[in-house]
Amino acid sequence: MTTFETPKTPHAFVETMLRSSIEADLLASENINDRWLREAHMHTAVNGFIAAMAIEALRRWAPDEANDTVDHLDQILTAGDLAGSAYRTAKGLGHDPDQWIEEFNERAARREEATR
């Protein structure tokens, strides 16, 4: 699958997420001594697994909703607006993504200082 292709069915989405999760876990092992890379890959592995489980549950119990979800994800990923969609969803669910972004920037500054 190229960077520009997205899964078109719930089954293909589950397969893609599980594959990404396994690859991220392997990368976490490969970067075991680099805390920042290891943690990023570990989070990706967990998120991929959770996404796969959620889509698989939808596929089994609400196939029409699963198809609608994958169509919506295809639109988001094709548009390249994952961060924007995640930001809007976080806001809609009552979270404070601006605080998360601020905390990320603080950690990034500490990482940059540590590499000097």
C-alpha atoms as a PDB file:
ATOM      1  CA  MET A   1       0.000   0.000   0.000  1.00  0.00           C
ATOM      2  CA  THR A   2       1.387   3.423  -0.904  1.00  0.00           C
ATOM      3  CA  THR A   3       1.106   6.487   1.277  1.00  0.00           C
ATOM      4  CA  PHE A   4      -1.786   7.766  -0.825  1.00  0.00           C
ATOM      5  CA  GLU A   5      -3.971   4.639  -0.675  1.00  0.00           C
ATOM      6  CA  THR A   6      -6.413   4.099   2.135  1.00  0.00           C
ATOM      7  CA  PRO A   7      -8.358   0.963   3.024  1.00  0.00           C
ATOM      8  CA  LYS A   8     -11.740   0.893   1.284  1.00  0.00           C
ATOM      9  CA  THR A   9     -13.511  -1.748   3.400  1.00  0.00           C
ATOM     10  CA  PRO A  10     -13.756  -2.392   7.128  1.00  0.00           C
ATOM     11  CA  HIS A  11     -11.893  -5.701   6.690  1.00  0.00           C
ATOM     12  CA  ALA A  12      -9.057  -3.973   4.787  1.00  0.00           C
ATOM     13  CA  PHE A  13      -8.921  -1.223   7.421  1.00  0.00           C
ATOM     14  CA  VAL A  14      -8.618  -3.800  10.221  1.00  0.00           C
ATOM     15  CA  GLU A  15      -5.834  -5.574   8.323  1.00  0.00           C
ATOM     16  CA  THR A  16      -3.981  -2.299   7.751  1.00  0.00           C
ATOM     17  CA  MET A  17      -4.264  -1.226  11.388  1.00  0.00           C
ATOM     18  CA  LEU A  18      -3.107  -4.604  12.699  1.00  0.00           C
ATOM     19  CA  ARG A  19      -0.162  -4.602  10.292  1.00  0.00           C
ATOM     20  CA  SER A  20       0.779  -1.056  11.352  1.00  0.00           C
ATOM     21  CA  SER A  21       0.477  -2.055  14.995  1.00  0.00           C
ATOM     22  CA  ILE A  22       2.839  -5.008  14.549  1.00  0.00           C
ATOM     23  CA  GLU A  23       5.324  -2.890  12.585  1.00  0.00           C
ATOM     24  CA  ALA A  24       5.208  -0.127  15.218  1.00  0.00           C
ATOM     25  CA  ASP A  25       5.851  -2.687  17.946  1.00  0.00           C
ATOM     26  CA  LEU A  26       8.864  -3.990  16.010  1.00  0.00           C
ATOM     27  CA  LEU A  27      10.144  -0.416  15.622  1.00  0.00           C
ATOM     28  CA  ALA A  28       9.702   0.136  19.376  1.00  0.00           C
ATOM     29  CA  SER A  29      11.971  -2.876  19.980  1.00  0.00           C
ATOM     30  CA  GLU A  30      14.443  -1.590  17.413  1.00  0.00           C
ATOM     31  CA  ASN A  31      14.579   1.826  19.113  1.00  0.00           C
ATOM     32  CA  ILE A  32      14.603   0.514  22.686  1.00  0.00           C
ATOM     33  CA  ASN A  33      17.397   2.893  23.733  1.00  0.00           C
ATOM     34  CA  ASP A  34      15.787   5.999  22.222  1.00  0.00           C
ATOM     35  CA  ARG A  35      13.053   6.870  24.703  1.00  0.00           C
ATOM     36  CA  TRP A  36      11.206   9.286  22.411  1.00  0.00           C
ATOM     37  CA  LEU A  37      11.094   6.980  19.401  1.00  0.00           C
ATOM     38  CA  ARG A  38      10.271   3.944  21.545  1.00  0.00           C
ATOM     39  CA  GLU A  39       7.332   5.718  23.214  1.00  0.00           C
ATOM     40  CA  ALA A  40       6.016   7.074  19.917  1.00  0.00           C
ATOM     41  CA  HIS A  41       6.124   3.621  18.337  1.00  0.00           C
ATOM     42  CA  MET A  42       4.529   2.031  21.404  1.00  0.00           C
ATOM     43  CA  HIS A  43       1.665   4.538  21.303  1.00  0.00           C
ATOM     44  CA  THR A  44       1.227   3.890  17.586  1.00  0.00           C
ATOM     45  CA  ALA A  45       1.120   0.135  18.203  1.00  0.00           C
ATOM     46  CA  VAL A  46      -1.554   0.522  20.895  1.00  0.00           C
ATOM     47  CA  ASN A  47      -3.597   2.983  18.840  1.00  0.00           C
ATOM     48  CA  GLY A  48      -3.488   0.742  15.779  1.00  0.00           C
ATOM     49  CA  PHE A  49      -4.652  -2.229  17.824  1.00  0.00           C
ATOM     50  CA  ILE A  50      -7.508  -0.271  19.416  1.00  0.00           C
ATOM     51  CA  ALA A  51      -8.605   1.082  16.020  1.00  0.00           C
ATOM     52  CA  ALA A  52      -8.573  -2.417  14.532  1.00  0.00           C
ATOM     53  CA  MET A  53     -10.637  -3.822  17.399  1.00  0.00           C
ATOM     54  CA  ALA A  54     -13.166  -0.990  17.148  1.00  0.00           C
ATOM     55  CA  ILE A  55     -13.601  -1.333  13.379  1.00  0.00           C
ATOM     56  CA  GLU A  56     -13.845  -5.133  13.679  1.00  0.00           C
ATOM     57  CA  ALA A  57     -16.566  -4.797  16.332  1.00  0.00           C
ATOM     58  CA  LEU A  58     -18.446  -2.385  14.087  1.00  0.00           C
ATOM     59  CA  ARG A  59     -17.966  -4.692  11.104  1.00  0.00           C
ATOM     60  CA  ARG A  60     -19.526  -7.585  13.009  1.00  0.00           C
ATOM     61  CA  TRP A  61     -22.356  -5.825  14.818  1.00  0.00           C
ATOM     62  CA  ALA A  62     -23.132  -2.760  12.698  1.00  0.00           C
ATOM     63  CA  PRO A  63     -21.822  -3.359   9.161  1.00  0.00           C
ATOM     64  CA  ASP A  64     -23.485  -0.285   7.656  1.00  0.00           C
ATOM     65  CA  GLU A  65     -21.912   1.961  10.306  1.00  0.00           C
ATOM     66  CA  ALA A  66     -18.561   0.253   9.724  1.00  0.00           C
ATOM     67  CA  ASN A  67     -18.756   1.028   6.011  1.00  0.00           C
ATOM     68  CA  ASP A  68     -19.755   4.630   6.754  1.00  0.00           C
ATOM     69  CA  THR A  69     -16.859   4.962   9.219  1.00  0.00           C
ATOM     70  CA  VAL A  70     -14.326   3.634   6.712  1.00  0.00           C
ATOM     71  CA  ASP A  71     -15.700   5.961   4.016  1.00  0.00           C
ATOM     72  CA  HIS A  72     -15.313   8.888   6.425  1.00  0.00           C
ATOM     73  CA  LEU A  73     -11.791   7.820   7.380  1.00  0.00           C
ATOM     74  CA  ASP A  74     -10.913   7.508   3.696  1.00  0.00           C
ATOM     75  CA  GLN A  75     -12.045  11.113   3.154  1.00  0.00           C
ATOM     76  CA  ILE A  76     -10.038  12.340   6.157  1.00  0.00           C
ATOM     77  CA  LEU A  77      -6.869  10.456   5.229  1.00  0.00           C
ATOM     78  CA  THR A  78      -7.106  11.344   1.536  1.00  0.00           C
ATOM     79  CA  ALA A  79      -7.517  15.016   2.437  1.00  0.00           C
ATOM     80  CA  GLY A  80      -4.495  14.789   4.734  1.00  0.00           C
ATOM     81  CA  ASP A  81      -6.441  16.312   7.627  1.00  0.00           C
ATOM     82  CA  LEU A  82      -5.987  13.713  10.358  1.00  0.00           C
ATOM     83  CA  ALA A  83      -4.682  16.222  12.910  1.00  0.00           C
ATOM     84  CA  GLY A  84      -7.488  18.667  12.161  1.00  0.00           C
ATOM     85  CA  SER A  85     -10.138  15.979  12.454  1.00  0.00           C
ATOM     86  CA  ALA A  86      -8.622  14.644  15.674  1.00  0.00           C
ATOM     87  CA  TYR A  87      -8.440  18.199  17.058  1.00  0.00           C
ATOM     88  CA  ARG A  88     -12.108  18.888  16.237  1.00  0.00           C
ATOM     89  CA  THR A  89     -13.186  15.527  17.669  1.00  0.00           C
ATOM     90  CA  ALA A  90     -11.245  16.135  20.889  1.00  0.00           C
ATOM     91  CA  LYS A  91     -12.886  19.555  21.246  1.00  0.00           C
ATOM     92  CA  GLY A  92     -16.306  18.047  20.536  1.00  0.00           C
ATOM     93  CA  LEU A  93     -15.788  15.446  23.263  1.00  0.00           C
ATOM     94  CA  GLY A  94     -14.863  18.116  25.820  1.00  0.00           C
ATOM     95  CA  HIS A  95     -11.082  17.638  25.834  1.00  0.00           C
ATOM     96  CA  ASP A  96      -8.469  20.405  25.615  1.00  0.00           C
ATOM     97  CA  PRO A  97      -6.240  19.600  22.622  1.00  0.00           C
ATOM     98  CA  ASP A  98      -4.565  23.014  22.892  1.00  0.00           C
ATOM     99  CA  GLN A  99      -3.125  21.881  26.241  1.00  0.00           C
ATOM    100  CA  TRP A 100      -1.913  18.649  24.621  1.00  0.00           C
ATOM    101  CA  ILE A 101      -0.222  20.638  21.867  1.00  0.00           C
ATOM    102  CA  GLU A 102       1.416  22.925  24.431  1.00  0.00           C
ATOM    103  CA  GLU A 103       2.674  19.917  26.406  1.00  0.00           C
ATOM    104  CA  PHE A 104       4.000  18.328  23.200  1.00  0.00           C
ATOM    105  CA  ASN A 105       5.880  21.517  22.329  1.00  0.00           C
ATOM    106  CA  GLU A 106       7.398  21.610  25.830  1.00  0.00           C
ATOM    107  CA  ARG A 107       8.584  18.001  25.468  1.00  0.00           C
ATOM    108  CA  ALA A 108       9.950  18.769  21.993  1.00  0.00           C
ATOM    109  CA  ALA A 109      11.959  21.662  23.429  1.00  0.00           C
ATOM    110  CA  ARG A 110      13.381  19.356  26.136  1.00  0.00           C
ATOM    111  CA  ARG A 111      14.268  16.736  23.505  1.00  0.00           C
ATOM    112  CA  GLU A 112      16.059  19.369  21.440  1.00  0.00           C
ATOM    113  CA  GLU A 113      18.017  20.541  24.483  1.00  0.00           C
ATOM    114  CA  ALA A 114      18.971  16.951  25.326  1.00  0.00           C
ATOM    115  CA  THR A 115      20.436  16.376  21.852  1.00  0.00           C
ATOM    116  CA  ARG A 116      22.693  19.445  21.989  1.00  0.00           C
END
